[in-house]
Amino acid sequence: RDGKLKFANKRSEVHWKFREALDPDYGATMALPPDKELLGDLCAAKWSIKTGRIYIESKDEIIKRLGRSPDCADAVVLAWGGSQTWLVS
């Protein structure tokens, strides 16, 4: 939130900002439907910080771990982010 770290790519940025938008400690009012698959998808990604940049785990790595694609999370984050361009990053 303080802008000290940058993002490795647009996909990392949109997912991170979506997480922030859900954080009630910062006054978030967004709510998600009670869907177990969506919750699992949103919690599945691993994060890392390298050379001052925030990276989200690749979708291929998430698929390897879950045994399926996190399509529910992608759909919600994509709709919230308003642009499909981050998916190609």
Protein backbone atom coordinates (compact mmCIF):
# COMPACT_ATOMS: atom_id res chain seq x y z
CA ARG A 1 0.00 0.00 0.00
CA ASP A 2 2.85 2.38 0.67
CA GLY A 3 4.26 2.02 -2.86
CA LYS A 4 7.74 0.97 -1.72
CA LEU A 5 7.61 -2.21 -3.76
CA LYS A 6 6.89 -2.46 -7.48
CA PHE A 7 5.19 -5.28 -9.33
CA ALA A 8 6.89 -7.76 -11.63
CA ASN A 9 4.04 -7.62 -14.13
CA LYS A 10 0.44 -6.51 -14.55
CA ARG A 11 -0.95 -9.88 -13.43
CA SER A 12 0.88 -9.59 -10.12
CA GLU A 13 -0.32 -6.03 -9.68
CA VAL A 14 -4.00 -6.73 -10.33
CA HIS A 15 -4.08 -9.79 -8.07
CA TRP A 16 -2.27 -7.94 -5.27
CA LYS A 17 -4.57 -4.92 -5.50
CA PHE A 18 -7.58 -7.24 -5.48
CA ARG A 19 -6.29 -8.75 -2.23
CA GLU A 20 -5.96 -5.26 -0.80
CA ALA A 21 -9.50 -4.44 -1.91
CA LEU A 22 -10.75 -7.36 0.20
CA ASP A 23 -8.86 -6.34 3.36
CA PRO A 24 -11.34 -5.15 6.01
CA ASP A 25 -8.48 -3.64 8.05
CA TYR A 26 -8.31 -0.92 5.42
CA GLY A 27 -12.02 -0.23 5.17
CA ALA A 28 -12.78 -2.65 2.34
CA THR A 29 -16.47 -3.18 1.73
CA MET A 30 -16.26 -5.64 -1.15
CA ALA A 31 -17.85 -9.03 -0.55
CA LEU A 32 -17.55 -12.30 -2.42
CA PRO A 33 -20.16 -15.03 -2.87
CA PRO A 34 -19.88 -18.04 -0.52
CA ASP A 35 -18.19 -20.31 -3.04
CA LYS A 36 -15.62 -22.87 -1.87
CA GLU A 37 -13.95 -23.20 -5.27
CA LEU A 38 -13.55 -19.42 -5.57
CA LEU A 39 -12.12 -19.19 -2.07
CA GLY A 40 -9.67 -21.98 -2.81
CA ASP A 41 -8.62 -20.39 -6.07
CA LEU A 42 -8.06 -16.98 -4.48
CA CYS A 43 -5.98 -18.49 -1.68
CA ALA A 44 -3.94 -20.80 -3.92
CA ALA A 45 -1.38 -18.41 -5.39
CA LYS A 46 1.99 -18.08 -3.72
CA TRP A 47 3.83 -14.78 -3.64
CA SER A 48 7.47 -13.79 -3.62
CA ILE A 49 9.50 -10.61 -3.52
CA LYS A 50 12.66 -10.44 -5.59
CA THR A 51 14.78 -7.35 -6.13
CA GLY A 52 12.04 -5.10 -4.78
CA ARG A 53 9.31 -6.51 -7.01
CA ILE A 54 6.23 -8.52 -6.05
CA TYR A 55 5.68 -11.70 -8.07
CA ILE A 56 2.62 -13.92 -8.14
CA GLU A 57 3.18 -17.58 -8.86
CA SER A 58 2.60 -18.50 -12.50
CA LYS A 59 -0.74 -19.95 -13.45
CA ASP A 60 1.04 -23.10 -14.69
CA GLU A 61 2.58 -23.61 -11.24
CA ILE A 62 -0.81 -23.11 -9.57
CA ILE A 63 -2.35 -25.67 -11.91
CA LYS A 64 0.40 -28.18 -11.06
CA ARG A 65 -0.28 -27.81 -7.34
CA LEU A 66 -4.09 -27.72 -7.50
CA GLY A 67 -4.55 -30.24 -10.28
CA ARG A 68 -6.91 -27.78 -11.99
CA SER A 69 -7.00 -24.25 -13.27
CA PRO A 70 -7.93 -21.39 -10.90
CA ASP A 71 -10.51 -20.15 -13.40
CA CYS A 72 -12.99 -18.90 -10.78
CA ALA A 73 -10.40 -16.56 -9.27
CA ASP A 74 -9.28 -15.41 -12.71
CA ALA A 75 -12.86 -14.54 -13.66
CA VAL A 76 -13.51 -12.53 -10.50
CA VAL A 77 -10.17 -10.70 -10.54
CA LEU A 78 -10.52 -10.01 -14.26
CA ALA A 79 -14.02 -8.59 -13.82
CA TRP A 80 -12.84 -6.45 -10.90
CA GLY A 81 -9.73 -5.28 -12.76
CA GLY A 82 -11.71 -4.34 -15.86
CA SER A 83 -9.08 -5.42 -18.37
CA GLN A 84 -7.96 -8.69 -19.92
CA THR A 85 -4.48 -7.42 -20.78
CA TRP A 86 -2.93 -8.54 -17.47
CA LEU A 87 -3.59 -12.21 -18.23
CA VAL A 88 -0.87 -12.31 -20.85
CA SER A 89 1.84 -11.08 -18.47
